[in-house]
Amino acid sequence: MQQPQLPPDVDTDALDAGIELIGRAGAKAFEIGYVNENVPVEEAGWYAHAQWGGHRIMADNRAGPVEAVEALARKVLNGSLCTHCGKPISLSGNREGICRWTRRGDSWVRGCVKEFAEHDRSQKRVRATLAREGAIPVDPALLGRPFTAKDRK
């Protein structure tokens, strides 16, 4: 069985931002994979899904893993409520009464970041703690297969 190979110019920032956002949203399970084998990466039928308790959100039939994760992140964000300002999240426009989120590099940034800056300091502490505890950064080699304890090494 030959797995689709990721193109060398894969946007790892978009991939990392989407995965981080899904984790920040409290997903209990997350998977990236593909349906079709022995085909070029853009024909593999990539999907990403995340689960919160008994509820699952999925983005499927995408051209690549980045597109699948980005689509899933957008589904999770759009229309949700910002936990900081309490406003509905929007990914476009600058209307009153919304919190506009944008992706900047390897992270999604909320529109109310200036009003509620204390969260950013706590995120840095969380990341530092995870690094000390041996949390694993996302490795494109892990795409399309379940994560196991062996991957920690």
N, C-alpha and C. Protein backbone atom coordinates (compact mmCIF):
# COMPACT_ATOMS: atom_id res chain seq x y z
N MET A 1 0.85 -1.17 0.00
CA MET A 1 0.00 0.00 0.00
C MET A 1 0.89 1.24 0.00
N GLN A 2 0.72 2.10 -0.98
CA GLN A 2 1.50 3.33 -1.08
C GLN A 2 0.65 4.50 -0.59
N GLN A 3 1.17 5.23 0.39
CA GLN A 3 0.45 6.38 0.92
C GLN A 3 0.73 7.61 0.08
N PRO A 4 -0.27 8.49 -0.08
CA PRO A 4 0.00 9.74 -0.78
C PRO A 4 1.08 10.53 -0.05
N GLN A 5 2.00 11.08 -0.79
CA GLN A 5 3.08 11.88 -0.21
C GLN A 5 2.66 13.34 -0.18
N LEU A 6 2.99 14.01 0.93
CA LEU A 6 2.70 15.43 1.03
C LEU A 6 3.62 16.20 0.11
N PRO A 7 3.09 17.21 -0.58
CA PRO A 7 3.96 18.02 -1.43
C PRO A 7 4.97 18.79 -0.56
N PRO A 8 6.16 19.06 -1.09
CA PRO A 8 7.18 19.73 -0.28
C PRO A 8 6.77 21.15 0.12
N ASP A 9 5.87 21.76 -0.60
CA ASP A 9 5.46 23.13 -0.29
C ASP A 9 4.19 23.19 0.56
N VAL A 10 3.89 22.13 1.32
CA VAL A 10 2.69 22.10 2.16
C VAL A 10 2.73 23.27 3.16
N ASP A 11 1.62 23.92 3.36
CA ASP A 11 1.52 25.07 4.26
C ASP A 11 1.39 24.56 5.70
N THR A 12 2.52 24.32 6.34
CA THR A 12 2.50 23.77 7.70
C THR A 12 1.92 24.77 8.69
N ASP A 13 2.02 26.07 8.41
CA ASP A 13 1.39 27.06 9.30
C ASP A 13 -0.12 26.86 9.34
N ALA A 14 -0.74 26.68 8.18
CA ALA A 14 -2.19 26.48 8.13
C ALA A 14 -2.57 25.17 8.81
N LEU A 15 -1.77 24.14 8.59
CA LEU A 15 -2.02 22.85 9.23
C LEU A 15 -1.92 22.97 10.75
N ASP A 16 -0.86 23.58 11.24
CA ASP A 16 -0.67 23.75 12.68
C ASP A 16 -1.77 24.63 13.29
N ALA A 17 -2.13 25.70 12.60
CA ALA A 17 -3.17 26.61 13.11
C ALA A 17 -4.50 25.89 13.26
N GLY A 18 -4.87 25.11 12.25
CA GLY A 18 -6.14 24.38 12.31
C GLY A 18 -6.16 23.35 13.41
N ILE A 19 -5.08 22.59 13.54
CA ILE A 19 -5.02 21.57 14.58
C ILE A 19 -5.03 22.21 15.96
N GLU A 20 -4.29 23.29 16.13
CA GLU A 20 -4.28 23.99 17.43
C GLU A 20 -5.68 24.51 17.77
N LEU A 21 -6.35 25.09 16.80
CA LEU A 21 -7.69 25.64 17.04
C LEU A 21 -8.67 24.55 17.46
N ILE A 22 -8.62 23.43 16.78
CA ILE A 22 -9.53 22.33 17.10
C ILE A 22 -9.27 21.84 18.52
N GLY A 23 -8.01 21.78 18.91
CA GLY A 23 -7.67 21.42 20.28
C GLY A 23 -8.14 22.45 21.28
N ARG A 24 -7.95 23.73 20.95
CA ARG A 24 -8.40 24.82 21.83
C ARG A 24 -9.92 24.81 21.99
N ALA A 25 -10.61 24.32 20.97
CA ALA A 25 -12.07 24.27 21.02
C ALA A 25 -12.57 23.10 21.87
N GLY A 26 -11.64 22.29 22.38
CA GLY A 26 -12.01 21.22 23.30
C GLY A 26 -12.30 19.88 22.68
N ALA A 27 -11.86 19.66 21.44
CA ALA A 27 -12.11 18.36 20.81
C ALA A 27 -11.48 17.24 21.63
N LYS A 28 -12.22 16.16 21.77
CA LYS A 28 -11.73 14.99 22.50
C LYS A 28 -11.04 14.00 21.58
N ALA A 29 -11.32 14.09 20.28
CA ALA A 29 -10.68 13.22 19.30
C ALA A 29 -10.52 14.01 18.01
N PHE A 30 -9.46 13.70 17.27
CA PHE A 30 -9.17 14.39 16.03
C PHE A 30 -8.46 13.42 15.09
N GLU A 31 -8.82 13.45 13.81
CA GLU A 31 -8.19 12.56 12.84
C GLU A 31 -8.09 13.23 11.49
N ILE A 32 -6.97 13.00 10.82
CA ILE A 32 -6.77 13.42 9.43
C ILE A 32 -6.49 12.14 8.65
N GLY A 33 -7.07 12.02 7.48
CA GLY A 33 -6.81 10.83 6.69
C GLY A 33 -7.27 11.02 5.25
N TYR A 34 -7.22 9.94 4.50
CA TYR A 34 -7.64 9.96 3.10
C TYR A 34 -8.38 8.67 2.79
N VAL A 35 -9.17 8.72 1.74
CA VAL A 35 -10.02 7.59 1.37
C VAL A 35 -9.38 6.75 0.26
N ASN A 36 -8.81 7.40 -0.74
CA ASN A 36 -8.29 6.70 -1.92
C ASN A 36 -6.79 6.46 -1.82
N GLU A 37 -6.37 5.24 -2.07
CA GLU A 37 -4.95 4.88 -2.05
C GLU A 37 -4.39 4.81 -3.46
N ASN A 38 -3.06 4.89 -3.56
CA ASN A 38 -2.35 4.74 -4.83
C ASN A 38 -2.79 5.76 -5.89
N VAL A 39 -3.03 6.98 -5.43
CA VAL A 39 -3.40 8.08 -6.33
C VAL A 39 -2.57 9.30 -5.93
N PRO A 40 -2.50 10.30 -6.81
CA PRO A 40 -1.82 11.54 -6.42
C PRO A 40 -2.50 12.17 -5.19
N VAL A 41 -1.72 12.93 -4.42
CA VAL A 41 -2.23 13.49 -3.16
C VAL A 41 -3.53 14.27 -3.34
N GLU A 42 -3.66 15.00 -4.43
CA GLU A 42 -4.86 15.82 -4.64
C GLU A 42 -6.09 14.99 -5.01
N GLU A 43 -5.90 13.71 -5.31
CA GLU A 43 -7.02 12.82 -5.64
C GLU A 43 -7.32 11.83 -4.51
N ALA A 44 -6.63 11.97 -3.40
CA ALA A 44 -6.77 10.99 -2.31
C ALA A 44 -8.07 11.13 -1.53
N GLY A 45 -8.76 12.25 -1.66
CA GLY A 45 -10.01 12.45 -0.92
C GLY A 45 -9.75 12.65 0.57
N TRP A 46 -9.00 13.68 0.91
CA TRP A 46 -8.59 13.94 2.30
C TRP A 46 -9.77 14.38 3.15
N TYR A 47 -9.74 13.97 4.41
CA TYR A 47 -10.77 14.38 5.38
C TYR A 47 -10.10 14.74 6.70
N ALA A 48 -10.83 15.50 7.48
CA ALA A 48 -10.44 15.79 8.87
C ALA A 48 -11.72 15.77 9.67
N HIS A 49 -11.67 15.13 10.84
CA HIS A 49 -12.85 15.19 11.70
C HIS A 49 -12.41 15.29 13.15
N ALA A 50 -13.28 15.91 13.93
CA ALA A 50 -13.03 16.09 15.36
C ALA A 50 -14.31 15.72 16.10
N GLN A 51 -14.14 15.30 17.34
CA GLN A 51 -15.29 14.86 18.12
C GLN A 51 -15.30 15.53 19.48
N TRP A 52 -16.47 15.96 19.89
CA TRP A 52 -16.73 16.54 21.20
C TRP A 52 -17.81 15.68 21.82
N GLY A 53 -17.45 14.80 22.74
CA GLY A 53 -18.44 13.89 23.31
C GLY A 53 -19.06 13.06 22.20
N GLY A 54 -20.37 13.13 22.04
CA GLY A 54 -21.06 12.38 21.00
C GLY A 54 -21.25 13.16 19.72
N HIS A 55 -20.72 14.37 19.64
CA HIS A 55 -20.92 15.23 18.47
C HIS A 55 -19.66 15.24 17.62
N ARG A 56 -19.80 15.03 16.30
CA ARG A 56 -18.66 15.02 15.40
C ARG A 56 -18.86 16.06 14.29
N ILE A 57 -17.80 16.76 13.97
CA ILE A 57 -17.79 17.69 12.84
C ILE A 57 -16.76 17.18 11.86
N MET A 58 -17.09 17.20 10.56
CA MET A 58 -16.21 16.62 9.55
C MET A 58 -16.11 17.52 8.33
N ALA A 59 -14.93 17.55 7.75
CA ALA A 59 -14.71 18.17 6.44
C ALA A 59 -14.09 17.07 5.59
N ASP A 60 -14.74 16.73 4.48
CA ASP A 60 -14.23 15.62 3.68
C ASP A 60 -14.12 15.98 2.21
N ASN A 61 -13.52 15.04 1.47
CA ASN A 61 -13.31 15.15 0.04
C ASN A 61 -12.56 16.43 -0.34
N ARG A 62 -11.44 16.66 0.32
CA ARG A 62 -10.61 17.85 0.07
C ARG A 62 -9.38 17.46 -0.74
N ALA A 63 -8.75 18.45 -1.36
CA ALA A 63 -7.59 18.22 -2.22
C ALA A 63 -6.34 17.81 -1.46
N GLY A 64 -6.26 18.14 -0.18
CA GLY A 64 -5.09 17.81 0.62
C GLY A 64 -5.38 17.90 2.10
N PRO A 65 -4.44 17.50 2.93
CA PRO A 65 -4.66 17.54 4.38
C PRO A 65 -4.81 18.96 4.91
N VAL A 66 -4.09 19.91 4.35
CA VAL A 66 -4.21 21.30 4.80
C VAL A 66 -5.60 21.82 4.52
N GLU A 67 -6.11 21.55 3.32
CA GLU A 67 -7.46 22.00 2.97
C GLU A 67 -8.51 21.36 3.87
N ALA A 68 -8.32 20.10 4.21
CA ALA A 68 -9.28 19.41 5.09
C ALA A 68 -9.27 20.02 6.49
N VAL A 69 -8.08 20.23 7.05
CA VAL A 69 -7.98 20.80 8.39
C VAL A 69 -8.48 22.23 8.41
N GLU A 70 -8.13 23.01 7.41
CA GLU A 70 -8.58 24.41 7.33
C GLU A 70 -10.11 24.47 7.25
N ALA A 71 -10.71 23.62 6.43
CA ALA A 71 -12.18 23.60 6.31
C ALA A 71 -12.83 23.21 7.63
N LEU A 72 -12.25 22.24 8.32
CA LEU A 72 -12.78 21.84 9.62
C LEU A 72 -12.66 22.98 10.63
N ALA A 73 -11.52 23.64 10.67
CA ALA A 73 -11.33 24.77 11.59
C ALA A 73 -12.36 25.87 11.31
N ARG A 74 -12.60 26.14 10.06
CA ARG A 74 -13.59 27.18 9.70
C ARG A 74 -14.99 26.77 10.12
N LYS A 75 -15.33 25.49 9.99
CA LYS A 75 -16.63 25.01 10.45
C LYS A 75 -16.78 25.18 11.95
N VAL A 76 -15.70 24.88 12.68
CA VAL A 76 -15.73 24.99 14.14
C VAL A 76 -15.89 26.44 14.56
N LEU A 77 -15.18 27.33 13.89
CA LEU A 77 -15.19 28.75 14.27
C LEU A 77 -16.46 29.48 13.87
N ASN A 78 -16.81 29.42 12.61
CA ASN A 78 -17.85 30.29 12.06
C ASN A 78 -19.19 30.09 12.76
N GLY A 79 -19.68 31.15 13.39
CA GLY A 79 -20.96 31.11 14.08
C GLY A 79 -20.87 30.72 15.54
N SER A 80 -19.70 30.26 15.98
CA SER A 80 -19.52 29.94 17.40
C SER A 80 -19.48 31.23 18.20
N LEU A 81 -19.53 31.11 19.52
CA LEU A 81 -19.40 32.28 20.37
C LEU A 81 -17.98 32.38 20.91
N CYS A 82 -17.40 33.56 20.85
CA CYS A 82 -16.07 33.79 21.40
C CYS A 82 -16.17 33.67 22.92
N THR A 83 -15.30 32.88 23.50
CA THR A 83 -15.33 32.68 24.95
C THR A 83 -14.77 33.88 25.71
N HIS A 84 -14.20 34.83 25.01
CA HIS A 84 -13.63 36.01 25.65
C HIS A 84 -14.60 37.18 25.68
N CYS A 85 -15.16 37.52 24.51
CA CYS A 85 -16.05 38.69 24.45
C CYS A 85 -17.53 38.28 24.39
N GLY A 86 -17.82 36.99 24.12
CA GLY A 86 -19.19 36.51 24.09
C GLY A 86 -19.93 36.79 22.79
N LYS A 87 -19.25 37.40 21.82
CA LYS A 87 -19.89 37.73 20.54
C LYS A 87 -19.79 36.55 19.58
N PRO A 88 -20.71 36.49 18.60
CA PRO A 88 -20.60 35.45 17.57
C PRO A 88 -19.31 35.64 16.76
N ILE A 89 -18.66 34.55 16.43
CA ILE A 89 -17.43 34.60 15.64
C ILE A 89 -17.79 34.65 14.17
N SER A 90 -17.08 35.50 13.45
CA SER A 90 -17.22 35.59 12.00
C SER A 90 -15.83 35.52 11.39
N LEU A 91 -15.75 34.98 10.19
CA LEU A 91 -14.47 34.88 9.49
C LEU A 91 -14.36 35.90 8.37
N SER A 92 -15.37 36.73 8.23
CA SER A 92 -15.32 37.78 7.21
C SER A 92 -16.13 38.98 7.68
N GLY A 93 -15.83 40.12 7.14
CA GLY A 93 -16.54 41.35 7.47
C GLY A 93 -16.09 41.94 8.79
N ASN A 94 -16.45 43.19 9.00
CA ASN A 94 -16.12 43.90 10.24
C ASN A 94 -17.36 44.57 10.81
N ARG A 95 -18.42 43.81 10.96
CA ARG A 95 -19.68 44.35 11.45
C ARG A 95 -19.64 44.52 12.95
N GLU A 96 -20.49 45.39 13.44
CA GLU A 96 -20.66 45.55 14.89
C GLU A 96 -21.27 44.26 15.44
N GLY A 97 -20.93 43.93 16.64
CA GLY A 97 -21.55 42.80 17.32
C GLY A 97 -20.97 41.44 16.97
N ILE A 98 -19.84 41.42 16.25
CA ILE A 98 -19.19 40.14 15.96
C ILE A 98 -17.74 40.19 16.43
N CYS A 99 -17.15 39.04 16.59
CA CYS A 99 -15.72 38.93 16.88
C CYS A 99 -15.09 38.28 15.65
N ARG A 100 -14.38 39.06 14.87
CA ARG A 100 -13.81 38.57 13.62
C ARG A 100 -12.47 37.88 13.88
N TRP A 101 -12.39 36.61 13.53
CA TRP A 101 -11.17 35.83 13.70
C TRP A 101 -10.46 35.72 12.36
N THR A 102 -9.13 35.74 12.38
CA THR A 102 -8.32 35.58 11.18
C THR A 102 -7.17 34.64 11.49
N ARG A 103 -6.68 33.99 10.44
CA ARG A 103 -5.50 33.16 10.64
C ARG A 103 -4.28 33.99 10.31
N ARG A 104 -3.36 34.03 11.26
CA ARG A 104 -2.08 34.71 11.07
C ARG A 104 -0.97 33.71 11.33
N GLY A 105 -0.33 33.32 10.26
CA GLY A 105 0.74 32.34 10.41
C GLY A 105 0.21 31.02 10.93
N ASP A 106 0.78 30.55 12.04
CA ASP A 106 0.40 29.24 12.57
C ASP A 106 -0.62 29.31 13.70
N SER A 107 -1.43 30.37 13.72
CA SER A 107 -2.43 30.51 14.79
C SER A 107 -3.64 31.30 14.30
N TRP A 108 -4.79 30.95 14.86
CA TRP A 108 -6.00 31.75 14.64
C TRP A 108 -6.03 32.82 15.71
N VAL A 109 -6.32 34.06 15.30
CA VAL A 109 -6.31 35.20 16.22
C VAL A 109 -7.72 35.78 16.29
N ARG A 110 -8.18 35.99 17.50
CA ARG A 110 -9.53 36.53 17.71
C ARG A 110 -9.53 38.05 17.59
N GLY A 111 -10.66 38.58 17.18
CA GLY A 111 -10.77 40.02 16.98
C GLY A 111 -10.73 40.83 18.26
N CYS A 112 -11.03 40.21 19.38
CA CYS A 112 -11.07 40.94 20.65
C CYS A 112 -9.78 40.80 21.45
N VAL A 113 -8.68 40.44 20.77
CA VAL A 113 -7.43 40.16 21.47
C VAL A 113 -6.92 41.36 22.28
N LYS A 114 -7.15 42.58 21.82
CA LYS A 114 -6.68 43.76 22.55
C LYS A 114 -7.49 43.98 23.82
N GLU A 115 -8.78 43.65 23.77
CA GLU A 115 -9.65 43.83 24.94
C GLU A 115 -9.38 42.79 26.02
N PHE A 116 -9.00 41.58 25.62
CA PHE A 116 -8.84 40.47 26.56
C PHE A 116 -7.46 39.85 26.39
N ALA A 117 -6.42 40.61 26.63
CA ALA A 117 -5.04 40.17 26.38
C ALA A 117 -4.55 39.13 27.39
N GLU A 118 -5.19 38.99 28.54
CA GLU A 118 -4.71 38.05 29.55
C GLU A 118 -4.69 36.61 29.04
N HIS A 119 -5.55 36.27 28.09
CA HIS A 119 -5.59 34.92 27.54
C HIS A 119 -4.28 34.58 26.82
N ASP A 120 -3.72 35.53 26.11
CA ASP A 120 -2.50 35.27 25.35
C ASP A 120 -1.35 34.89 26.27
N ARG A 121 -1.27 35.53 27.42
CA ARG A 121 -0.22 35.18 28.38
C ARG A 121 -0.44 33.76 28.92
N SER A 122 -1.70 33.39 29.17
CA SER A 122 -1.97 32.06 29.68
C SER A 122 -1.69 31.00 28.61
N GLN A 123 -1.95 31.30 27.32
CA GLN A 123 -1.64 30.37 26.25
C GLN A 123 -0.15 30.07 26.19
N LYS A 124 0.68 31.09 26.38
CA LYS A 124 2.13 30.88 26.38
C LYS A 124 2.53 29.97 27.53
N ARG A 125 1.90 30.13 28.69
CA ARG A 125 2.20 29.25 29.82
C ARG A 125 1.77 27.83 29.53
N VAL A 126 0.61 27.65 28.91
CA VAL A 126 0.13 26.32 28.56
C VAL A 126 1.09 25.65 27.59
N ARG A 127 1.52 26.37 26.56
CA ARG A 127 2.45 25.80 25.59
C ARG A 127 3.77 25.42 26.24
N ALA A 128 4.27 26.28 27.14
CA ALA A 128 5.53 25.97 27.84
C ALA A 128 5.37 24.71 28.69
N THR A 129 4.24 24.58 29.35
CA THR A 129 3.99 23.39 30.17
C THR A 129 3.91 22.14 29.30
N LEU A 130 3.20 22.22 28.19
CA LEU A 130 3.09 21.08 27.28
C LEU A 130 4.47 20.67 26.76
N ALA A 131 5.30 21.65 26.43
CA ALA A 131 6.65 21.35 25.94
C ALA A 131 7.46 20.63 27.02
N ARG A 132 7.36 21.09 28.27
CA ARG A 132 8.09 20.44 29.37
C ARG A 132 7.60 19.03 29.60
N GLU A 133 6.30 18.80 29.39
CA GLU A 133 5.71 17.48 29.64
C GLU A 133 5.89 16.52 28.47
N GLY A 134 6.53 16.99 27.41
CA GLY A 134 6.80 16.11 26.27
C GLY A 134 5.67 16.02 25.27
N ALA A 135 4.85 17.07 25.17
CA ALA A 135 3.79 17.07 24.17
C ALA A 135 4.41 16.98 22.78
N ILE A 136 3.73 16.34 21.89
CA ILE A 136 4.29 16.08 20.56
C ILE A 136 3.79 17.11 19.57
N PRO A 137 4.70 17.77 18.87
CA PRO A 137 4.25 18.66 17.79
C PRO A 137 3.70 17.83 16.64
N VAL A 138 2.85 18.42 15.83
CA VAL A 138 2.26 17.70 14.72
C VAL A 138 3.35 17.39 13.70
N ASP A 139 3.43 16.14 13.34
CA ASP A 139 4.41 15.68 12.37
C ASP A 139 3.65 15.19 11.15
N PRO A 140 3.89 15.77 9.96
CA PRO A 140 3.16 15.33 8.77
C PRO A 140 3.28 13.83 8.51
N ALA A 141 4.31 13.18 9.02
CA ALA A 141 4.46 11.73 8.83
C ALA A 141 3.36 10.96 9.55
N LEU A 142 2.69 11.60 10.53
CA LEU A 142 1.64 10.92 11.28
C LEU A 142 0.28 11.01 10.60
N LEU A 143 0.19 11.77 9.52
CA LEU A 143 -1.09 11.95 8.85
C LEU A 143 -1.59 10.64 8.28
N GLY A 144 -2.88 10.40 8.41
CA GLY A 144 -3.50 9.25 7.79
C GLY A 144 -3.40 7.97 8.58
N ARG A 145 -2.87 8.03 9.80
CA ARG A 145 -2.84 6.83 10.62
C ARG A 145 -3.07 7.23 12.07
N PRO A 146 -3.56 6.30 12.87
CA PRO A 146 -3.81 6.61 14.28
C PRO A 146 -2.52 6.95 15.01
N PHE A 147 -2.62 7.83 15.95
CA PHE A 147 -1.50 8.21 16.80
C PHE A 147 -1.34 7.15 17.89
N THR A 148 -0.10 6.71 18.13
CA THR A 148 0.13 5.69 19.14
C THR A 148 1.18 6.15 20.13
N ALA A 149 1.33 5.41 21.21
CA ALA A 149 2.32 5.74 22.23
C ALA A 149 3.74 5.70 21.66
N LYS A 150 3.99 4.87 20.67
CA LYS A 150 5.32 4.81 20.04
C LYS A 150 5.72 6.15 19.42
N ASP A 151 4.72 6.94 19.00
CA ASP A 151 5.00 8.23 18.38
C ASP A 151 5.57 9.24 19.36
N ARG A 152 5.47 9.00 20.64
CA ARG A 152 6.00 9.91 21.65
C ARG A 152 7.52 9.89 21.68
N LYS A 153 8.12 8.81 21.21
CA LYS A 153 9.58 8.66 21.31
C LYS A 153 10.31 9.39 20.23
